[in-house]
Amino acid sequence: MGLRRLPAAVVLAVVLLVACGGVGVAGNYVFKVENKFKLGGKERSLSALKEHDSLRHGRVLAAVDVPLGGNGHPSATGLYFTKIGLGTPSKDYYVQVDTGSDLLWVNCVGCDRCPTKSDLGIKLTLFDPAKSKTSGQVNCGDVFCVDQYGGQLSGCKPGVRCQYSVAYGDGSATSGDFVKDVIQLEQASGNHETSPLNASVIFGCGNKQTGDLGSSSEAAVDGILGFGQANSSMLSQLTAAGKVKKEFAHCLDVVKGGGIFAIGDIVQPVVKTTPLVANMPHYNVKLTAIEVGGTMLDLPTYLFDTGSQRGTIIDSGTTLAYLPSVVYEPMMDKILAKQPGLKMHTIEDQFSCFEFTRNVDDAFPPVVFHFDGSLTLTAYPHDYFFKIRENIWCIGWQNGGLQSRDGRELILLGDLVLSGKLVVYDVANQTIGWTDYNCSSSIKVKDEKTGTVYSVGSHNLSSAIGLKVGNFLTLLTILFALLQIFCVH
């Protein structure tokens, strides 16, 4: 699975409750994460949202063509970024948090065209393995490197470093060497209490960046922290060692701020699930029907295919939701039929908007997506319409689904429909599920070794972080809960 970069803006904290056999030390870890856009705020650039999605899809979905356009100020950063500690002594690094990419990588000393400053108001730092007492070299013959490339590389000799290189669909790229060092996390030592904890991981040490990953200071960060399924992700490394359960959940309130991002056994609330499509690089699911206001849309059967680069993708890193014309047009006809007198106008040459003084939930129908296993996802009018200023609403559904290289059209469901829902990814059992939820509240997670159940809630970190990220940012707390025992060797 290739690296991907996320859109939008929020500050979050992440608690990881982890476990490993034979040692009785509870492990819970906290990340503080920043999100760049706020979907419920006033007077922000709509084009920036869509332009961000366009750039992101060029990287995330490199195997598909994305006819999205957009002419606003581009957003090349991801949806979330967090501060982590690396090396000994530990230094702070700001990295994008990405549940769909795999590698953890940061820019390193001697890097060619790495950014040196950021418009986000954060201090960028180049990692220097030579100045870390715990840093170790990863060689081309090491198991990690052999697994990464599906076999030993030709020309591999003792002492030759294992390299990484990732190219994105928009022409940007990152490359460098893998290193092994300590990452510093915050361990949850009790309900809403944390203490420092270190763990050893292998990550990329970037020495060359090109394209938007390069010298631009526009929303630049130090690297990317991937939570994908490949063996190279930090989560997968811990899972392979038998120390972490491969399950995580998120609940984002992009309107009010706050949120939860937990890794581990989520025991409350209980969510209904649907199978993930096997052997896909993203979180693909099987869509079976779309309902608007109680009426099923008559759609072509190929939209429900689940083959390579087809079907429906659940992507919390995309701001809006993208539908093929064959879905968008009948859907909008049904939605707007309830209010035939609306006067539509275009904002920023691409968003359809209208003036409306009443409660949109009382005036427009909900849209229900039906999935395999009888799981449904409901988008309410306050989800798929968003207010840009007093009494002015815009349509969040975007006409023009993603097109795969064989011409098939994909449906991409982003934060537009995921906000206000707890989404649980059980990667180990290849299922995904969700439920409507108050993302400013808390969830319950269980340590499988001890049976202890923890309440994990969201917190506002704006005063603690103090990042100068502009008027469009919401500072959230996202909690990652790794519910096993974490052993550091």
Protein backbone atom coordinates (compact mmCIF):
# COMPACT_ATOMS: atom_id res chain seq x y z
CA MET A 1 0.00 0.00 0.00
CA GLY A 2 1.47 3.35 -0.97
CA LEU A 3 1.84 6.31 1.33
CA ARG A 4 -0.97 8.80 1.29
CA ARG A 5 -1.40 12.29 2.65
CA LEU A 6 -4.54 13.50 4.36
CA PRO A 7 -6.63 16.77 4.15
CA ALA A 8 -8.35 19.22 6.61
CA ALA A 9 -7.68 20.39 10.27
CA VAL A 10 -8.06 19.44 13.97
CA VAL A 11 -5.85 18.95 17.10
CA LEU A 12 -6.20 15.50 18.60
CA ALA A 13 -4.60 13.29 21.25
CA VAL A 14 -4.06 9.61 20.74
CA VAL A 15 -3.97 6.92 23.40
CA LEU A 16 -2.56 3.50 22.63
CA LEU A 17 -3.31 0.68 25.10
CA VAL A 18 -0.93 -2.11 24.13
CA ALA A 19 -0.05 -5.65 25.27
CA CYS A 20 2.66 -8.27 25.01
CA GLY A 21 2.82 -11.66 26.62
CA GLY A 22 4.81 -12.39 29.74
CA VAL A 23 5.22 -8.85 31.06
CA GLY A 24 2.67 -7.11 33.26
CA VAL A 25 3.15 -3.51 32.16
CA ALA A 26 0.08 -1.77 30.79
CA GLY A 27 0.77 0.38 27.73
CA ASN A 28 -1.35 3.31 26.61
CA TYR A 29 0.01 6.00 24.32
CA VAL A 30 -1.05 9.54 23.54
CA PHE A 31 -0.44 11.59 20.37
CA LYS A 32 -1.51 15.20 19.96
CA VAL A 33 -2.75 15.71 16.44
CA GLU A 34 -3.54 18.83 14.41
CA ASN A 35 -6.17 19.03 11.69
CA LYS A 36 -5.89 21.82 9.12
CA PHE A 37 -9.46 22.59 8.06
CA LYS A 38 -12.67 22.91 10.04
CA LEU A 39 -15.77 21.77 8.21
CA GLY A 40 -18.27 23.70 10.27
CA GLY A 41 -16.54 27.04 10.48
CA LYS A 42 -17.32 30.37 8.86
CA GLU A 43 -15.87 31.94 5.75
CA ARG A 44 -13.13 29.52 4.78
CA SER A 45 -11.89 28.71 1.31
CA LEU A 46 -14.13 26.05 -0.20
CA SER A 47 -11.72 25.59 -3.07
CA ALA A 48 -8.97 24.71 -0.59
CA LEU A 49 -11.04 21.75 0.59
CA LYS A 50 -11.58 20.41 -2.91
CA GLU A 51 -8.06 21.23 -4.12
CA HIS A 52 -6.71 19.39 -1.12
CA ASP A 53 -8.78 16.33 -2.01
CA SER A 54 -7.55 16.50 -5.61
CA LEU A 55 -3.88 16.61 -4.58
CA ARG A 56 -4.40 13.94 -1.96
CA HIS A 57 -6.04 11.53 -4.38
CA GLY A 58 -3.11 11.94 -6.75
CA ARG A 59 -1.01 10.41 -4.01
CA VAL A 60 -3.40 8.09 -2.24
CA LEU A 61 -5.09 6.65 -5.28
CA ALA A 62 -2.17 6.59 -7.68
CA ALA A 63 -3.85 3.85 -9.71
CA VAL A 64 -6.94 5.93 -10.51
CA ASP A 65 -7.63 9.11 -12.43
CA VAL A 66 -9.21 11.90 -10.37
CA PRO A 67 -11.15 14.53 -12.37
CA LEU A 68 -11.75 16.88 -9.43
CA GLY A 69 -10.12 20.21 -10.35
CA GLY A 70 -10.22 23.17 -8.00
CA ASN A 71 -8.63 26.57 -8.27
CA GLY A 72 -8.25 27.71 -4.69
CA HIS A 73 -5.22 27.85 -2.45
CA PRO A 74 -3.88 24.30 -2.51
CA SER A 75 -3.58 22.23 0.64
CA ALA A 76 -0.79 19.73 0.28
CA THR A 77 -0.63 18.63 3.90
CA GLY A 78 -2.60 15.88 5.46
CA LEU A 79 -5.71 15.98 7.51
CA TYR A 80 -3.95 15.29 10.79
CA PHE A 81 -0.46 15.81 12.13
CA THR A 82 0.95 14.93 15.50
CA LYS A 83 4.02 15.51 17.65
CA ILE A 84 6.16 12.47 18.47
CA GLY A 85 9.55 12.00 20.09
CA LEU A 86 12.38 10.18 18.29
CA GLY A 87 15.89 9.15 19.34
CA THR A 88 17.87 9.38 22.58
CA PRO A 89 17.81 12.06 23.85
CA SER A 90 14.33 12.45 22.43
CA LYS A 91 13.54 15.34 20.08
CA ASP A 92 10.12 16.44 18.86
CA TYR A 93 8.93 15.88 15.29
CA TYR A 94 5.62 16.81 13.66
CA VAL A 95 4.31 14.08 11.36
CA GLN A 96 1.06 13.49 9.51
CA VAL A 97 -1.11 10.77 11.04
CA ASP A 98 -2.43 8.56 8.27
CA THR A 99 -4.54 5.46 8.80
CA GLY A 100 -4.20 4.58 5.12
CA SER A 101 -0.43 4.72 4.60
CA ASP A 102 2.23 2.42 5.93
CA LEU A 103 5.61 3.95 6.68
CA LEU A 104 6.71 6.21 9.46
CA TRP A 105 9.30 8.50 7.92
CA VAL A 106 10.86 11.84 8.84
CA ASN A 107 13.22 14.24 7.07
CA CYS A 108 16.85 13.74 8.07
CA VAL A 109 20.04 15.75 8.27
CA GLY A 110 21.61 16.24 4.84
CA CYS A 111 18.24 16.02 3.11
CA ASP A 112 17.98 17.48 -0.39
CA ARG A 113 15.05 19.94 -0.73
CA CYS A 114 13.47 19.16 2.62
CA PRO A 115 11.39 22.06 3.99
CA THR A 116 13.04 24.14 6.69
CA LYS A 117 10.02 26.11 7.88
CA SER A 118 6.27 25.67 8.05
CA ASP A 119 3.35 28.06 7.70
CA LEU A 120 1.57 26.04 10.40
CA GLY A 121 3.59 27.76 13.12
CA ILE A 122 5.49 24.61 14.10
CA LYS A 123 9.26 24.17 14.34
CA LEU A 124 10.62 21.69 11.81
CA THR A 125 13.50 19.46 12.89
CA LEU A 126 15.79 17.24 10.82
CA PHE A 127 16.44 13.86 12.43
CA ASP A 128 20.14 13.04 12.91
CA PRO A 129 20.83 9.31 13.57
CA ALA A 130 24.42 10.11 14.51
CA LYS A 131 23.26 12.15 17.49
CA SER A 132 20.94 9.47 18.87
CA LYS A 133 22.45 6.97 21.31
CA THR A 134 19.84 4.35 20.39
CA SER A 135 19.87 4.66 16.60
CA GLY A 136 20.71 1.56 14.57
CA GLN A 137 21.30 0.89 10.87
CA VAL A 138 18.92 -1.36 8.92
CA ASN A 139 20.82 -3.35 6.29
CA CYS A 140 19.56 -4.73 2.97
CA GLY A 141 19.90 -8.31 4.23
CA ASP A 142 17.85 -7.75 7.38
CA VAL A 143 14.48 -9.51 7.62
CA PHE A 144 12.58 -6.21 7.60
CA CYS A 145 14.18 -5.13 4.33
CA VAL A 146 13.75 -8.52 2.65
CA ASP A 147 10.07 -8.55 3.61
CA GLN A 148 9.64 -4.96 2.47
CA TYR A 149 10.81 -5.78 -1.07
CA GLY A 150 9.52 -9.35 -1.30
CA GLY A 151 13.02 -10.78 -1.44
CA GLN A 152 16.64 -9.75 -1.13
CA LEU A 153 17.64 -6.98 -3.51
CA SER A 154 20.26 -7.69 -6.15
CA GLY A 155 23.67 -6.35 -5.21
CA CYS A 156 22.93 -6.59 -1.51
CA LYS A 157 26.12 -6.95 0.53
CA PRO A 158 26.86 -6.88 4.26
CA GLY A 159 26.73 -3.31 5.56
CA VAL A 160 24.67 -1.95 2.66
CA ARG A 161 21.74 0.04 3.99
CA CYS A 162 18.11 -0.75 3.29
CA GLN A 163 16.58 2.08 1.29
CA TYR A 164 13.03 3.25 0.78
CA SER A 165 11.51 5.24 -2.05
CA VAL A 166 7.90 6.32 -2.53
CA ALA A 167 6.58 8.14 -5.62
CA TYR A 168 3.15 9.79 -5.68
CA GLY A 169 0.70 10.33 -8.48
CA ASP A 170 1.18 14.12 -8.43
CA GLY A 171 4.93 13.82 -9.12
CA SER A 172 6.18 14.31 -5.56
CA ALA A 173 8.42 11.69 -3.97
CA THR A 174 10.40 10.81 -0.84
CA SER A 175 13.44 8.55 -0.52
CA GLY A 176 16.10 7.67 2.01
CA ASP A 177 17.29 4.87 4.31
CA PHE A 178 15.51 2.83 6.96
CA VAL A 179 16.79 3.24 10.51
CA LYS A 180 15.82 1.69 13.83
CA ASP A 181 15.38 3.88 16.88
CA VAL A 182 13.21 4.70 19.84
CA ILE A 183 9.88 6.47 19.46
CA GLN A 184 8.59 8.22 22.56
CA LEU A 185 4.86 7.89 23.23
CA GLU A 186 2.67 8.88 26.14
CA GLN A 187 1.47 5.86 28.10
CA ALA A 188 -1.99 5.98 29.65
CA SER A 189 -1.21 5.04 33.23
CA GLY A 190 -4.81 5.42 34.40
CA ASN A 191 -8.09 6.97 33.38
CA HIS A 192 -7.10 10.27 31.73
CA GLU A 193 -3.56 10.00 33.14
CA THR A 194 -0.38 9.46 31.11
CA SER A 195 3.34 8.86 31.58
CA PRO A 196 6.22 8.63 29.05
CA LEU A 197 6.98 5.29 27.40
CA ASN A 198 9.52 4.37 24.73
CA ALA A 199 9.33 1.72 22.00
CA SER A 200 11.77 0.60 19.30
CA VAL A 201 10.57 0.85 15.67
CA ILE A 202 11.99 0.90 12.14
CA PHE A 203 11.22 4.02 10.12
CA GLY A 204 12.36 5.92 7.08
CA CYS A 205 15.09 8.56 7.31
CA GLY A 206 14.38 10.86 4.36
CA ASN A 207 17.33 12.33 2.47
CA LYS A 208 15.54 13.58 -0.65
CA GLN A 209 12.11 15.09 -1.27
CA THR A 210 10.64 16.31 -4.54
CA GLY A 211 7.44 18.02 -5.62
CA ASP A 212 5.08 19.25 -2.90
CA LEU A 213 7.02 17.27 -0.30
CA GLY A 214 10.04 19.45 -1.03
CA SER A 215 11.10 22.98 -0.25
CA SER A 216 7.66 24.63 0.05
CA SER A 217 6.78 25.91 3.53
CA GLU A 218 3.06 25.66 2.75
CA ALA A 219 1.71 23.56 5.64
CA ALA A 220 4.99 21.60 5.81
CA VAL A 221 5.60 18.96 8.49
CA ASP A 222 8.54 16.68 9.37
CA GLY A 223 7.14 13.47 7.87
CA ILE A 224 4.31 10.94 7.89
CA LEU A 225 3.18 8.38 10.49
CA GLY A 226 1.30 5.59 8.72
CA PHE A 227 -1.16 3.21 10.34
CA GLY A 228 -1.68 1.03 7.27
CA GLN A 229 -1.79 -2.75 6.91
CA ALA A 230 1.63 -3.36 5.31
CA ASN A 231 4.45 -4.94 7.29
CA SER A 232 6.37 -1.66 7.29
CA SER A 233 3.87 0.30 9.40
CA MET A 234 4.56 0.93 13.05
CA LEU A 235 1.31 -0.81 13.97
CA SER A 236 2.13 -3.83 11.82
CA GLN A 237 5.61 -4.10 13.33
CA LEU A 238 4.08 -4.31 16.79
CA THR A 239 1.40 -6.72 15.58
CA ALA A 240 3.98 -9.04 13.97
CA ALA A 241 5.75 -9.20 17.31
CA GLY A 242 2.49 -10.31 18.93
CA LYS A 243 2.24 -7.19 21.05
CA VAL A 244 -0.65 -5.22 19.56
CA LYS A 245 -4.16 -6.10 18.46
CA LYS A 246 -4.70 -4.79 14.93
CA GLU A 247 -7.91 -2.89 15.52
CA PHE A 248 -8.50 0.84 15.67
CA ALA A 249 -11.38 3.30 15.74
CA HIS A 250 -11.94 7.01 15.21
CA CYS A 251 -14.73 9.42 16.01
CA LEU A 252 -14.28 12.95 14.65
CA ASP A 253 -16.41 15.98 15.35
CA VAL A 254 -15.13 18.39 12.70
CA VAL A 255 -17.78 20.98 13.56
CA LYS A 256 -17.37 21.40 17.31
CA GLY A 257 -13.84 20.03 17.65
CA GLY A 258 -12.75 17.04 19.69
CA GLY A 259 -12.54 13.40 18.82
CA ILE A 260 -11.33 9.92 19.65
CA PHE A 261 -8.85 7.69 17.83
CA ALA A 262 -8.38 4.37 19.62
CA ILE A 263 -6.38 1.24 18.87
CA GLY A 264 -7.49 -1.90 20.67
CA ASP A 265 -10.61 -3.80 21.71
CA ILE A 266 -13.52 -1.35 21.63
CA VAL A 267 -16.21 -2.79 23.93
CA GLN A 268 -18.61 0.17 24.07
CA PRO A 269 -20.39 1.20 21.99
CA VAL A 270 -20.96 -2.02 20.04
CA VAL A 271 -20.99 -1.45 16.28
CA LYS A 272 -22.42 -3.54 13.45
CA THR A 273 -19.83 -4.45 10.80
CA THR A 274 -19.40 -5.27 7.13
CA PRO A 275 -16.55 -7.26 5.56
CA LEU A 276 -13.64 -5.39 3.99
CA VAL A 277 -12.98 -6.34 0.38
CA ALA A 278 -9.99 -8.70 0.47
CA ASN A 279 -6.59 -7.84 -0.98
CA MET A 280 -7.32 -4.15 -1.52
CA PRO A 281 -4.87 -1.34 -0.64
CA HIS A 282 -7.59 0.83 0.90
CA TYR A 283 -10.64 0.29 3.08
CA ASN A 284 -12.95 -0.97 0.34
CA VAL A 285 -16.45 -2.21 1.17
CA LYS A 286 -19.28 -3.78 -0.83
CA LEU A 287 -22.11 -1.28 -1.41
CA THR A 288 -25.48 -2.89 -2.15
CA ALA A 289 -27.92 0.04 -2.46
CA ILE A 290 -28.46 3.78 -1.91
CA GLU A 291 -31.67 5.11 -0.42
CA VAL A 292 -32.90 8.73 -0.41
CA GLY A 293 -35.88 9.65 1.73
CA GLY A 294 -37.08 6.03 1.88
CA THR A 295 -36.76 5.41 -1.88
CA MET A 296 -34.04 3.18 -3.36
CA LEU A 297 -32.16 4.70 -6.30
CA ASP A 298 -32.19 2.71 -9.54
CA LEU A 299 -28.46 2.34 -10.21
CA PRO A 300 -26.33 0.33 -12.67
CA THR A 301 -25.05 -2.94 -11.21
CA TYR A 302 -21.38 -2.24 -12.01
CA LEU A 303 -21.35 0.37 -9.23
CA PHE A 304 -21.57 -2.51 -6.77
CA ASP A 305 -18.55 -4.38 -8.16
CA THR A 306 -15.72 -5.12 -5.73
CA GLY A 307 -12.90 -6.06 -8.11
CA SER A 308 -9.56 -4.33 -8.45
CA GLN A 309 -9.92 -0.54 -8.25
CA ARG A 310 -13.71 -0.71 -8.18
CA GLY A 311 -16.47 -0.23 -5.67
CA THR A 312 -16.68 2.00 -2.61
CA ILE A 313 -13.86 3.33 -0.44
CA ILE A 314 -14.21 4.55 3.15
CA ASP A 315 -11.58 7.28 3.56
CA SER A 316 -11.44 9.48 6.65
CA GLY A 317 -8.60 11.40 5.01
CA THR A 318 -10.84 12.89 2.32
CA THR A 319 -12.85 15.97 3.23
CA LEU A 320 -15.90 15.63 0.99
CA ALA A 321 -17.68 12.72 -0.76
CA TYR A 322 -17.27 11.89 -4.48
CA LEU A 323 -19.99 10.16 -6.48
CA PRO A 324 -20.23 9.12 -10.16
CA SER A 325 -22.70 11.14 -12.22
CA VAL A 326 -25.03 8.13 -12.39
CA VAL A 327 -25.34 8.37 -8.60
CA TYR A 328 -25.01 12.11 -8.06
CA GLU A 329 -27.71 13.23 -10.48
CA PRO A 330 -30.62 11.01 -9.32
CA MET A 331 -29.57 11.51 -5.69
CA MET A 332 -29.65 15.32 -5.96
CA ASP A 333 -32.94 15.20 -7.86
CA LYS A 334 -34.49 13.32 -4.93
CA ILE A 335 -32.91 15.60 -2.31
CA LEU A 336 -33.87 18.90 -3.93
CA ALA A 337 -37.37 17.75 -4.93
CA LYS A 338 -38.44 18.47 -1.35
CA GLN A 339 -37.69 22.18 -1.88
CA PRO A 340 -38.48 23.05 -5.53
CA GLY A 341 -38.27 26.81 -4.96
CA LEU A 342 -34.57 26.88 -4.04
CA LYS A 343 -32.43 29.32 -5.98
CA MET A 344 -29.02 27.72 -6.53
CA HIS A 345 -25.87 29.74 -7.18
CA THR A 346 -22.23 28.80 -7.63
CA ILE A 347 -19.47 29.80 -5.21
CA GLU A 348 -15.80 29.71 -6.21
CA ASP A 349 -16.81 28.35 -9.62
CA GLN A 350 -17.51 24.85 -8.34
CA PHE A 351 -19.76 24.63 -5.25
CA SER A 352 -23.55 24.71 -5.58
CA CYS A 353 -25.02 26.78 -2.76
CA PHE A 354 -28.34 28.25 -1.69
CA GLU A 355 -29.90 30.49 0.94
CA PHE A 356 -32.04 28.71 3.53
CA THR A 357 -33.29 30.00 6.90
CA ARG A 358 -34.99 26.87 8.22
CA ASN A 359 -33.57 23.69 9.80
CA VAL A 360 -32.14 21.63 6.93
CA ASP A 361 -32.83 18.36 8.77
CA ASP A 362 -36.54 19.17 8.78
CA ALA A 363 -36.61 20.16 5.11
CA PHE A 364 -34.45 17.59 3.29
CA PRO A 365 -34.26 13.76 3.34
CA PRO A 366 -31.50 11.59 4.81
CA VAL A 367 -29.33 9.53 2.43
CA VAL A 368 -28.73 5.92 3.46
CA PHE A 369 -25.92 3.76 2.04
CA HIS A 370 -26.56 0.02 2.36
CA PHE A 371 -23.61 -2.39 2.65
CA ASP A 372 -23.05 -6.13 2.70
CA GLY A 373 -24.11 -7.63 6.01
CA SER A 374 -27.09 -5.26 6.42
CA LEU A 375 -24.88 -2.43 7.67
CA THR A 376 -26.12 1.06 6.81
CA LEU A 377 -24.48 4.48 6.88
CA THR A 378 -26.83 7.46 7.14
CA ALA A 379 -25.85 10.94 5.99
CA TYR A 380 -28.22 13.54 7.39
CA PRO A 381 -28.85 16.91 5.73
CA HIS A 382 -26.64 18.67 8.30
CA ASP A 383 -23.88 16.27 7.17
CA TYR A 384 -24.13 16.64 3.41
CA PHE A 385 -24.93 20.36 3.46
CA PHE A 386 -22.49 22.70 5.16
CA LYS A 387 -22.97 26.31 6.15
CA ILE A 388 -20.35 28.78 4.93
CA ARG A 389 -21.99 31.85 6.44
CA GLU A 390 -25.32 32.86 7.95
CA ASN A 391 -28.17 31.12 6.10
CA ILE A 392 -25.91 30.11 3.16
CA TRP A 393 -25.55 26.34 2.64
CA CYS A 394 -23.46 24.44 0.11
CA ILE A 395 -23.77 20.88 -1.18
CA GLY A 396 -21.03 18.58 0.03
CA TRP A 397 -21.71 15.78 -2.44
CA GLN A 398 -19.34 16.17 -5.39
CA ASN A 399 -20.32 15.16 -8.92
CA GLY A 400 -17.63 13.05 -10.57
CA GLY A 401 -16.62 9.81 -8.93
CA LEU A 402 -13.08 8.57 -9.24
CA GLN A 403 -12.34 6.71 -12.45
CA SER A 404 -10.13 3.65 -12.39
CA ARG A 405 -7.81 2.96 -15.30
CA ASP A 406 -10.27 0.46 -16.75
CA GLY A 407 -12.95 3.15 -16.80
CA ARG A 408 -14.89 1.92 -13.80
CA GLU A 409 -16.19 4.57 -11.45
CA LEU A 410 -15.50 4.52 -7.73
CA ILE A 411 -17.45 6.00 -4.83
CA LEU A 412 -15.33 7.74 -2.18
CA LEU A 413 -16.97 8.51 1.16
CA GLY A 414 -14.96 10.96 3.26
CA ASP A 415 -15.44 13.03 6.40
CA LEU A 416 -18.64 14.50 4.97
CA VAL A 417 -20.45 11.29 5.93
CA LEU A 418 -18.07 9.96 8.62
CA SER A 419 -18.22 12.94 10.96
CA GLY A 420 -20.19 12.26 14.11
CA LYS A 421 -19.73 8.50 13.78
CA LEU A 422 -17.52 6.06 15.63
CA VAL A 423 -15.82 4.03 12.89
CA VAL A 424 -14.14 0.76 13.95
CA TYR A 425 -11.55 -0.95 11.72
CA ASP A 426 -10.96 -4.57 12.78
CA VAL A 427 -8.05 -5.18 10.43
CA ALA A 428 -7.23 -8.56 11.95
CA ASN A 429 -10.70 -9.90 11.11
CA GLN A 430 -11.04 -7.76 7.95
CA THR A 431 -14.22 -5.94 8.96
CA ILE A 432 -15.26 -2.32 9.36
CA GLY A 433 -18.26 -0.90 11.19
CA TRP A 434 -19.70 2.33 12.56
CA THR A 435 -22.46 3.91 14.59
CA ASP A 436 -23.75 7.45 15.13
CA TYR A 437 -21.96 8.77 18.20
CA ASN A 438 -21.21 11.87 20.24
CA CYS A 439 -17.52 12.31 19.44
CA SER A 440 -17.06 14.72 22.36
CA SER A 441 -17.94 11.96 24.83
CA SER A 442 -15.98 8.77 25.57
CA ILE A 443 -15.77 5.12 24.59
CA LYS A 444 -14.79 2.02 26.56
CA VAL A 445 -11.80 -0.12 25.62
CA LYS A 446 -10.57 -3.37 27.15
CA ASP A 447 -7.09 -4.62 27.97
CA GLU A 448 -7.33 -8.21 26.72
CA LYS A 449 -4.60 -9.47 29.05
CA THR A 450 -6.00 -8.11 32.31
CA GLY A 451 -9.63 -7.68 31.32
CA THR A 452 -9.56 -4.11 32.62
CA VAL A 453 -11.96 -1.73 30.87
CA TYR A 454 -10.93 1.90 30.41
CA SER A 455 -13.01 4.93 29.55
CA VAL A 456 -11.28 6.90 26.82
CA GLY A 457 -12.57 10.39 26.08
CA SER A 458 -11.71 13.40 23.96
CA HIS A 459 -10.04 16.57 25.18
CA ASN A 460 -9.38 20.03 23.80
CA LEU A 461 -5.64 20.65 23.57
CA SER A 462 -5.62 24.14 22.06
CA SER A 463 -4.21 25.87 25.11
CA ALA A 464 -1.65 23.12 25.69
CA ILE A 465 -0.35 23.01 22.12
CA GLY A 466 -0.41 26.70 21.27
CA LEU A 467 0.09 26.12 17.55
CA LYS A 468 -0.48 29.11 15.30
CA VAL A 469 -2.38 27.42 12.51
CA GLY A 470 -4.87 30.07 11.43
CA ASN A 471 -8.59 30.66 11.73
CA PHE A 472 -9.62 27.46 9.93
CA LEU A 473 -8.16 25.10 12.53
CA THR A 474 -9.96 23.21 15.25
CA LEU A 475 -7.86 21.76 18.04
CA LEU A 476 -9.02 18.28 18.98
CA THR A 477 -7.95 15.39 21.10
CA ILE A 478 -7.79 11.96 19.51
CA LEU A 479 -7.05 8.97 21.68
CA PHE A 480 -5.29 5.88 20.42
CA ALA A 481 -5.86 2.86 22.68
CA LEU A 482 -3.56 -0.13 22.11
CA LEU A 483 -5.08 -2.65 24.51
CA GLN A 484 -2.27 -5.07 25.06
CA ILE A 485 0.92 -4.98 27.11
CA PHE A 486 3.73 -3.16 25.33
CA CYS A 487 7.24 -4.63 25.84
CA VAL A 488 10.28 -2.64 24.75
CA HIS A 489 13.30 -4.75 23.96
